[in-house]
Amino acid sequence: MATRARRTERREEPLSRERIVEAAVGLLDAAGEGGLTFRALTERLATGPGAIYWHVANRGELLDAATEAVVAAALVVQPSGAPGPPHPPRSPQGEIRAVALGLFDEVEAHPWLAAQLATQLSRKPWQSVTPRIFERIGRQVRALGVPEGSRFTATSALVHHILGAAGQNAANTESARTLGPDADRGEFLDAVAGAWEELDPDDYPFTRAVAAEMRDHDDRAQFLAGVDLVLAGIAAVHPPAT
């Protein structure tokens, strides 16, 4: 009886596109892309498929809308890098770092997002997600004083590092989950570092030398260090006017 009452209450709530997208994100987080079906969505929203199709034409549109919603939230960042309302102006470098960390954290929180971002970037760059990210980063690249003919290249380098590194981190996290609920990240990295240290010193001198760094590295700090390296390269090629 209580369950029936709760479902009745949910049916009485107005069904909006926002509610549908929010439910879709929840399903994607819980079960990945394969878990997002209209049947599961109708059960979660306690409604019929017709009501959902009124707002969303198909599953592809729903995936795009879920991706757009998560990215939009990631791009609204506080000076600390945490999502939130608009903030006072900061340096272009600080803005780029904050946007990068916002995207990194959202990809970490939503493992399905990395594949969708790659799809948007390579197959659907005209849709809202890619221009939104390029615009947010590109404005800061322009503010750094990069000349007009080099802004696309500089912005692309930053965007590809941000999305590529964040996606790789999400893939690593997903792979770790397949090792079982008792898998420990430290133990896994220690095993990898140990294997690297056992490589042939003549064939892999560099890999052996950085094995200890593999063992102790922090993914988030390494990601941000990569952003700083790209920013340093941009500053070296296009030094700010004095």
C-alpha atoms as a PDB file:
ATOM      1  CA  MET A   1       0.000   0.000   0.000  1.00  0.00           C
ATOM      2  CA  ALA A   2       2.819   2.422   0.905  1.00  0.00           C
ATOM      3  CA  THR A   3       4.624   1.615  -2.325  1.00  0.00           C
ATOM      4  CA  ARG A   4       1.462   2.252  -4.320  1.00  0.00           C
ATOM      5  CA  ALA A   5       1.007   5.593  -2.561  1.00  0.00           C
ATOM      6  CA  ARG A   6       4.571   6.650  -3.327  1.00  0.00           C
ATOM      7  CA  ARG A   7       4.119   5.742  -6.995  1.00  0.00           C
ATOM      8  CA  THR A   8       0.867   7.693  -7.111  1.00  0.00           C
ATOM      9  CA  GLU A   9       2.627  10.733  -5.654  1.00  0.00           C
ATOM     10  CA  ARG A  10       5.400  10.445  -8.254  1.00  0.00           C
ATOM     11  CA  ARG A  11       2.863  10.185 -11.082  1.00  0.00           C
ATOM     12  CA  GLU A  12       1.245  13.407  -9.882  1.00  0.00           C
ATOM     13  CA  GLU A  13       4.545  15.282 -10.168  1.00  0.00           C
ATOM     14  CA  PRO A  14       4.806  17.043 -13.538  1.00  0.00           C
ATOM     15  CA  LEU A  15       7.011  15.056 -15.887  1.00  0.00           C
ATOM     16  CA  SER A  16       9.534  17.396 -17.465  1.00  0.00           C
ATOM     17  CA  ARG A  17      12.525  16.914 -19.733  1.00  0.00           C
ATOM     18  CA  GLU A  18      14.733  17.882 -16.769  1.00  0.00           C
ATOM     19  CA  ARG A  19      13.280  15.100 -14.606  1.00  0.00           C
ATOM     20  CA  ILE A  20      13.731  12.577 -17.394  1.00  0.00           C
ATOM     21  CA  VAL A  21      17.358  13.588 -17.933  1.00  0.00           C
ATOM     22  CA  GLU A  22      18.040  13.469 -14.190  1.00  0.00           C
ATOM     23  CA  ALA A  23      16.613   9.943 -14.023  1.00  0.00           C
ATOM     24  CA  ALA A  24      18.678   8.950 -17.069  1.00  0.00           C
ATOM     25  CA  VAL A  25      21.871  10.161 -15.379  1.00  0.00           C
ATOM     26  CA  GLY A  26      20.959   8.080 -12.328  1.00  0.00           C
ATOM     27  CA  LEU A  27      20.513   4.961 -14.451  1.00  0.00           C
ATOM     28  CA  LEU A  28      23.779   5.584 -16.285  1.00  0.00           C
ATOM     29  CA  ASP A  29      25.633   6.000 -13.001  1.00  0.00           C
ATOM     30  CA  ALA A  30      24.119   2.825 -11.581  1.00  0.00           C
ATOM     31  CA  ALA A  31      24.402   0.489 -14.562  1.00  0.00           C
ATOM     32  CA  GLY A  32      26.380   2.188 -17.309  1.00  0.00           C
ATOM     33  CA  GLU A  33      25.222   2.878 -20.845  1.00  0.00           C
ATOM     34  CA  GLY A  34      23.719  -0.591 -21.165  1.00  0.00           C
ATOM     35  CA  GLY A  35      21.444   0.099 -18.207  1.00  0.00           C
ATOM     36  CA  LEU A  36      19.774   3.062 -19.880  1.00  0.00           C
ATOM     37  CA  THR A  37      16.625   1.663 -21.455  1.00  0.00           C
ATOM     38  CA  PHE A  38      13.205   3.238 -21.829  1.00  0.00           C
ATOM     39  CA  ARG A  39      11.746   0.349 -19.846  1.00  0.00           C
ATOM     40  CA  ALA A  40      14.048   1.063 -16.895  1.00  0.00           C
ATOM     41  CA  LEU A  41      13.313   4.760 -17.257  1.00  0.00           C
ATOM     42  CA  THR A  42       9.540   4.275 -17.166  1.00  0.00           C
ATOM     43  CA  GLU A  43       9.895   2.157 -14.032  1.00  0.00           C
ATOM     44  CA  ARG A  44      12.085   4.752 -12.317  1.00  0.00           C
ATOM     45  CA  LEU A  45       9.740   7.597 -13.202  1.00  0.00           C
ATOM     46  CA  ALA A  46       6.564   5.546 -12.624  1.00  0.00           C
ATOM     47  CA  THR A  47       5.114   6.606 -15.960  1.00  0.00           C
ATOM     48  CA  GLY A  48       4.407   5.255 -19.411  1.00  0.00           C
ATOM     49  CA  PRO A  49       6.758   5.358 -22.415  1.00  0.00           C
ATOM     50  CA  GLY A  50       4.466   7.748 -24.267  1.00  0.00           C
ATOM     51  CA  ALA A  51       4.982  10.445 -21.645  1.00  0.00           C
ATOM     52  CA  ILE A  52       8.770  10.116 -22.028  1.00  0.00           C
ATOM     53  CA  TYR A  53       8.673  10.124 -25.836  1.00  0.00           C
ATOM     54  CA  TRP A  54       6.757  13.386 -25.639  1.00  0.00           C
ATOM     55  CA  HIS A  55       9.954  15.006 -24.286  1.00  0.00           C
ATOM     56  CA  VAL A  56      12.706  12.806 -25.783  1.00  0.00           C
ATOM     57  CA  ALA A  57      12.597  11.297 -29.260  1.00  0.00           C
ATOM     58  CA  ASN A  58      14.952   8.342 -28.732  1.00  0.00           C
ATOM     59  CA  ARG A  59      17.744   6.856 -26.652  1.00  0.00           C
ATOM     60  CA  GLY A  60      20.469   8.692 -28.560  1.00  0.00           C
ATOM     61  CA  GLU A  61      18.889  12.045 -27.813  1.00  0.00           C
ATOM     62  CA  LEU A  62      18.583  11.027 -24.174  1.00  0.00           C
ATOM     63  CA  LEU A  63      22.302  10.131 -23.969  1.00  0.00           C
ATOM     64  CA  ASP A  64      23.212  13.461 -25.538  1.00  0.00           C
ATOM     65  CA  ALA A  65      20.965  15.328 -23.102  1.00  0.00           C
ATOM     66  CA  ALA A  66      22.443  13.506 -20.093  1.00  0.00           C
ATOM     67  CA  THR A  67      25.968  14.312 -21.291  1.00  0.00           C
ATOM     68  CA  GLU A  68      25.068  17.956 -21.822  1.00  0.00           C
ATOM     69  CA  ALA A  69      23.513  18.233 -18.359  1.00  0.00           C
ATOM     70  CA  VAL A  70      26.565  16.804 -16.578  1.00  0.00           C
ATOM     71  CA  VAL A  71      29.012  18.920 -18.600  1.00  0.00           C
ATOM     72  CA  ALA A  72      26.974  22.064 -17.937  1.00  0.00           C
ATOM     73  CA  ALA A  73      27.218  21.383 -14.195  1.00  0.00           C
ATOM     74  CA  ALA A  74      30.962  20.731 -14.478  1.00  0.00           C
ATOM     75  CA  LEU A  75      31.595  24.054 -16.202  1.00  0.00           C
ATOM     76  CA  VAL A  76      29.977  26.085 -13.415  1.00  0.00           C
ATOM     77  CA  VAL A  77      32.873  26.099 -10.941  1.00  0.00           C
ATOM     78  CA  GLN A  78      33.855  27.967  -7.814  1.00  0.00           C
ATOM     79  CA  PRO A  79      37.380  29.378  -7.295  1.00  0.00           C
ATOM     80  CA  SER A  80      38.151  26.214  -5.332  1.00  0.00           C
ATOM     81  CA  GLY A  81      37.223  24.051  -8.289  1.00  0.00           C
ATOM     82  CA  ALA A  82      33.958  22.884  -6.718  1.00  0.00           C
ATOM     83  CA  PRO A  83      30.691  23.175  -8.680  1.00  0.00           C
ATOM     84  CA  GLY A  84      28.608  26.176  -7.688  1.00  0.00           C
ATOM     85  CA  PRO A  85      27.181  29.570  -8.693  1.00  0.00           C
ATOM     86  CA  PRO A  86      29.140  32.247 -10.601  1.00  0.00           C
ATOM     87  CA  HIS A  87      32.305  33.498  -8.908  1.00  0.00           C
ATOM     88  CA  PRO A  88      34.508  36.624  -9.026  1.00  0.00           C
ATOM     89  CA  PRO A  89      36.979  36.849 -11.925  1.00  0.00           C
ATOM     90  CA  ARG A  90      40.343  35.090 -11.603  1.00  0.00           C
ATOM     91  CA  SER A  91      43.418  34.661 -13.784  1.00  0.00           C
ATOM     92  CA  PRO A  92      43.032  32.838 -17.124  1.00  0.00           C
ATOM     93  CA  GLN A  93      45.342  30.080 -15.859  1.00  0.00           C
ATOM     94  CA  GLY A  94      43.262  29.702 -12.690  1.00  0.00           C
ATOM     95  CA  GLU A  95      40.055  29.564 -14.702  1.00  0.00           C
ATOM     96  CA  ILE A  96      41.454  26.872 -16.997  1.00  0.00           C
ATOM     97  CA  ARG A  97      42.641  24.792 -14.023  1.00  0.00           C
ATOM     98  CA  ALA A  98      39.241  25.084 -12.339  1.00  0.00           C
ATOM     99  CA  VAL A  99      37.363  24.079 -15.486  1.00  0.00           C
ATOM    100  CA  ALA A 100      39.781  21.184 -16.031  1.00  0.00           C
ATOM    101  CA  LEU A 101      39.309  19.898 -12.494  1.00  0.00           C
ATOM    102  CA  GLY A 102      35.543  20.298 -12.769  1.00  0.00           C
ATOM    103  CA  LEU A 103      35.496  18.102 -15.864  1.00  0.00           C
ATOM    104  CA  PHE A 104      37.968  15.622 -14.339  1.00  0.00           C
ATOM    105  CA  ASP A 105      35.821  15.211 -11.236  1.00  0.00           C
ATOM    106  CA  GLU A 106      32.601  14.784 -13.225  1.00  0.00           C
ATOM    107  CA  VAL A 107      34.166  12.109 -15.432  1.00  0.00           C
ATOM    108  CA  GLU A 108      35.412  10.384 -12.274  1.00  0.00           C
ATOM    109  CA  ALA A 109      31.921  10.541 -10.741  1.00  0.00           C
ATOM    110  CA  HIS A 110      30.165   9.403 -13.957  1.00  0.00           C
ATOM    111  CA  PRO A 111      32.292   6.678 -15.624  1.00  0.00           C
ATOM    112  CA  TRP A 112      29.993   6.548 -18.687  1.00  0.00           C
ATOM    113  CA  LEU A 113      30.723  10.217 -19.425  1.00  0.00           C
ATOM    114  CA  ALA A 114      34.208   9.660 -20.895  1.00  0.00           C
ATOM    115  CA  ALA A 115      32.921   7.598 -23.820  1.00  0.00           C
ATOM    116  CA  GLN A 116      30.111  10.064 -24.478  1.00  0.00           C
ATOM    117  CA  LEU A 117      32.521  13.011 -24.493  1.00  0.00           C
ATOM    118  CA  ALA A 118      34.764  11.185 -26.962  1.00  0.00           C
ATOM    119  CA  THR A 119      31.744  10.522 -29.171  1.00  0.00           C
ATOM    120  CA  GLN A 120      30.628  14.144 -28.969  1.00  0.00           C
ATOM    121  CA  LEU A 121      34.121  15.427 -29.776  1.00  0.00           C
ATOM    122  CA  SER A 122      34.766  13.119 -32.734  1.00  0.00           C
ATOM    123  CA  ARG A 123      31.337  12.424 -34.221  1.00  0.00           C
ATOM    124  CA  LYS A 124      29.073  15.266 -33.104  1.00  0.00           C
ATOM    125  CA  PRO A 125      31.291  18.332 -32.648  1.00  0.00           C
ATOM    126  CA  TRP A 126      28.498  20.605 -33.888  1.00  0.00           C
ATOM    127  CA  GLN A 127      26.278  19.787 -30.919  1.00  0.00           C
ATOM    128  CA  SER A 128      26.314  21.861 -27.750  1.00  0.00           C
ATOM    129  CA  VAL A 129      28.829  19.930 -25.625  1.00  0.00           C
ATOM    130  CA  THR A 130      31.983  20.457 -27.717  1.00  0.00           C
ATOM    131  CA  PRO A 131      31.361  24.169 -28.430  1.00  0.00           C
ATOM    132  CA  ARG A 132      30.554  24.744 -24.761  1.00  0.00           C
ATOM    133  CA  ILE A 133      33.892  23.276 -23.614  1.00  0.00           C
ATOM    134  CA  PHE A 134      35.853  24.987 -26.404  1.00  0.00           C
ATOM    135  CA  GLU A 135      34.238  28.315 -25.628  1.00  0.00           C
ATOM    136  CA  ARG A 136      35.022  28.116 -21.919  1.00  0.00           C
ATOM    137  CA  ILE A 137      38.672  27.187 -22.492  1.00  0.00           C
ATOM    138  CA  GLY A 138      39.138  29.293 -25.626  1.00  0.00           C
ATOM    139  CA  ARG A 139      38.121  32.543 -23.949  1.00  0.00           C
ATOM    140  CA  GLN A 140      40.867  32.028 -21.391  1.00  0.00           C
ATOM    141  CA  VAL A 141      43.413  31.160 -24.104  1.00  0.00           C
ATOM    142  CA  ARG A 142      42.543  34.449 -25.781  1.00  0.00           C
ATOM    143  CA  ALA A 143      42.927  36.233 -22.428  1.00  0.00           C
ATOM    144  CA  LEU A 144      46.433  34.746 -22.144  1.00  0.00           C
ATOM    145  CA  GLY A 145      47.409  36.814 -25.178  1.00  0.00           C
ATOM    146  CA  VAL A 146      47.700  33.952 -27.654  1.00  0.00           C
ATOM    147  CA  PRO A 147      47.518  35.442 -31.176  1.00  0.00           C
ATOM    148  CA  GLU A 148      44.423  34.750 -33.237  1.00  0.00           C
ATOM    149  CA  GLY A 149      46.039  32.305 -35.657  1.00  0.00           C
ATOM    150  CA  SER A 150      47.233  30.065 -32.798  1.00  0.00           C
ATOM    151  CA  ARG A 151      44.198  30.061 -30.495  1.00  0.00           C
ATOM    152  CA  PHE A 152      42.522  27.011 -32.014  1.00  0.00           C
ATOM    153  CA  THR A 153      45.681  24.913 -31.697  1.00  0.00           C
ATOM    154  CA  ALA A 154      46.354  26.014 -28.111  1.00  0.00           C
ATOM    155  CA  THR A 155      42.733  25.439 -27.086  1.00  0.00           C
ATOM    156  CA  SER A 156      42.659  22.039 -28.805  1.00  0.00           C
ATOM    157  CA  ALA A 157      45.827  20.972 -26.962  1.00  0.00           C
ATOM    158  CA  LEU A 158      44.243  21.843 -23.619  1.00  0.00           C
ATOM    159  CA  VAL A 159      40.874  20.263 -24.415  1.00  0.00           C
ATOM    160  CA  HIS A 160      42.425  17.043 -25.699  1.00  0.00           C
ATOM    161  CA  HIS A 161      44.644  16.719 -22.632  1.00  0.00           C
ATOM    162  CA  ILE A 162      41.741  17.416 -20.274  1.00  0.00           C
ATOM    163  CA  LEU A 163      39.279  15.003 -21.873  1.00  0.00           C
ATOM    164  CA  GLY A 164      41.900  12.385 -22.749  1.00  0.00           C
ATOM    165  CA  ALA A 165      43.511  12.249 -19.312  1.00  0.00           C
ATOM    166  CA  ALA A 166      40.155  12.384 -17.532  1.00  0.00           C
ATOM    167  CA  GLY A 167      38.850   9.587 -19.740  1.00  0.00           C
ATOM    168  CA  GLN A 168      41.922   7.438 -19.114  1.00  0.00           C
ATOM    169  CA  ASN A 169      41.534   7.943 -15.378  1.00  0.00           C
ATOM    170  CA  ALA A 170      37.884   6.891 -15.587  1.00  0.00           C
ATOM    171  CA  ALA A 171      38.891   3.798 -17.581  1.00  0.00           C
ATOM    172  CA  ASN A 172      41.475   2.930 -14.936  1.00  0.00           C
ATOM    173  CA  THR A 173      38.856   3.317 -12.211  1.00  0.00           C
ATOM    174  CA  GLU A 174      36.431   1.112 -14.118  1.00  0.00           C
ATOM    175  CA  SER A 175      39.106  -1.540 -14.667  1.00  0.00           C
ATOM    176  CA  ALA A 176      39.927  -1.523 -10.966  1.00  0.00           C
ATOM    177  CA  ARG A 177      36.297  -2.281 -10.180  1.00  0.00           C
ATOM    178  CA  THR A 178      36.505  -5.491 -12.206  1.00  0.00           C
ATOM    179  CA  LEU A 179      39.177  -6.749  -9.805  1.00  0.00           C
ATOM    180  CA  GLY A 180      36.502  -7.101  -7.125  1.00  0.00           C
ATOM    181  CA  PRO A 181      35.126  -5.128  -4.174  1.00  0.00           C
ATOM    182  CA  ASP A 182      38.225  -5.791  -2.087  1.00  0.00           C
ATOM    183  CA  ALA A 183      40.654  -4.443  -4.692  1.00  0.00           C
ATOM    184  CA  ASP A 184      43.003  -1.798  -3.322  1.00  0.00           C
ATOM    185  CA  ARG A 185      44.387   0.931  -5.589  1.00  0.00           C
ATOM    186  CA  GLY A 186      47.659   1.065  -3.666  1.00  0.00           C
ATOM    187  CA  GLU A 187      48.182  -2.664  -3.971  1.00  0.00           C
ATOM    188  CA  PHE A 188      47.400  -2.566  -7.685  1.00  0.00           C
ATOM    189  CA  LEU A 189      49.870   0.272  -8.342  1.00  0.00           C
ATOM    190  CA  ASP A 190      52.474  -1.480  -6.221  1.00  0.00           C
ATOM    191  CA  ALA A 191      52.076  -4.609  -8.350  1.00  0.00           C
ATOM    192  CA  VAL A 192      52.438  -2.595 -11.560  1.00  0.00           C
ATOM    193  CA  ALA A 193      55.497  -0.767 -10.231  1.00  0.00           C
ATOM    194  CA  GLY A 194      57.019  -4.056  -9.162  1.00  0.00           C
ATOM    195  CA  ALA A 195      56.494  -5.495 -12.641  1.00  0.00           C
ATOM    196  CA  TRP A 196      58.108  -2.423 -14.212  1.00  0.00           C
ATOM    197  CA  GLU A 197      61.109  -2.748 -11.912  1.00  0.00           C
ATOM    198  CA  GLU A 198      61.616  -6.304 -13.168  1.00  0.00           C
ATOM    199  CA  LEU A 199      61.809  -5.269 -16.839  1.00  0.00           C
ATOM    200  CA  ASP A 200      65.034  -5.685 -18.770  1.00  0.00           C
ATOM    201  CA  PRO A 201      67.242  -2.674 -17.873  1.00  0.00           C
ATOM    202  CA  ASP A 202      68.679  -2.480 -21.386  1.00  0.00           C
ATOM    203  CA  ASP A 203      65.291  -2.393 -23.118  1.00  0.00           C
ATOM    204  CA  TYR A 204      63.364  -0.339 -20.547  1.00  0.00           C
ATOM    205  CA  PRO A 205      65.779   1.957 -18.681  1.00  0.00           C
ATOM    206  CA  PHE A 206      63.299   4.841 -18.441  1.00  0.00           C
ATOM    207  CA  THR A 207      60.285   2.743 -17.414  1.00  0.00           C
ATOM    208  CA  ARG A 208      62.296   1.095 -14.652  1.00  0.00           C
ATOM    209  CA  ALA A 209      63.518   4.508 -13.446  1.00  0.00           C
ATOM    210  CA  VAL A 210      59.991   5.916 -13.013  1.00  0.00           C
ATOM    211  CA  ALA A 211      58.478   2.793 -11.452  1.00  0.00           C
ATOM    212  CA  ALA A 212      58.560   4.336  -7.978  1.00  0.00           C
ATOM    213  CA  GLU A 213      56.625   7.364  -9.257  1.00  0.00           C
ATOM    214  CA  MET A 214      53.971   5.026 -10.662  1.00  0.00           C
ATOM    215  CA  ARG A 215      53.661   3.448  -7.219  1.00  0.00           C
ATOM    216  CA  ASP A 216      53.146   6.735  -5.351  1.00  0.00           C
ATOM    217  CA  HIS A 217      51.450   9.065  -7.834  1.00  0.00           C
ATOM    218  CA  ASP A 218      48.149  10.872  -7.269  1.00  0.00           C
ATOM    219  CA  ASP A 219      45.863  10.807 -10.321  1.00  0.00           C
ATOM    220  CA  ARG A 220      44.278  14.210  -9.721  1.00  0.00           C
ATOM    221  CA  ALA A 221      47.605  15.936  -9.027  1.00  0.00           C
ATOM    222  CA  GLN A 222      49.175  14.310 -12.093  1.00  0.00           C
ATOM    223  CA  PHE A 223      46.246  15.455 -14.222  1.00  0.00           C
ATOM    224  CA  LEU A 224      46.595  19.052 -13.057  1.00  0.00           C
ATOM    225  CA  ALA A 225      50.367  18.905 -13.595  1.00  0.00           C
ATOM    226  CA  GLY A 226      49.648  17.990 -17.200  1.00  0.00           C
ATOM    227  CA  VAL A 227      47.386  21.039 -17.555  1.00  0.00           C
ATOM    228  CA  ASP A 228      50.175  23.203 -16.128  1.00  0.00           C
ATOM    229  CA  LEU A 229      52.676  21.727 -18.605  1.00  0.00           C
ATOM    230  CA  VAL A 230      50.407  22.641 -21.524  1.00  0.00           C
ATOM    231  CA  LEU A 231      49.903  26.141 -20.071  1.00  0.00           C
ATOM    232  CA  ALA A 232      53.671  26.532 -19.643  1.00  0.00           C
ATOM    233  CA  GLY A 233      54.197  25.493 -23.250  1.00  0.00           C
ATOM    234  CA  ILE A 234      51.626  28.031 -24.439  1.00  0.00           C
ATOM    235  CA  ALA A 235      53.324  30.759 -22.390  1.00  0.00           C
ATOM    236  CA  ALA A 236      56.747  29.801 -23.782  1.00  0.00           C
ATOM    237  CA  VAL A 237      55.581  29.912 -27.402  1.00  0.00           C
ATOM    238  CA  HIS A 238      53.360  32.962 -26.919  1.00  0.00           C
ATOM    239  CA  PRO A 239      54.816  34.977 -24.008  1.00  0.00           C
ATOM    240  CA  PRO A 240      52.422  37.567 -22.581  1.00  0.00           C
ATOM    241  CA  ALA A 241      53.040  41.145 -23.642  1.00  0.00           C
ATOM    242  CA  THR A 242      54.994  43.232 -21.103  1.00  0.00           C
END
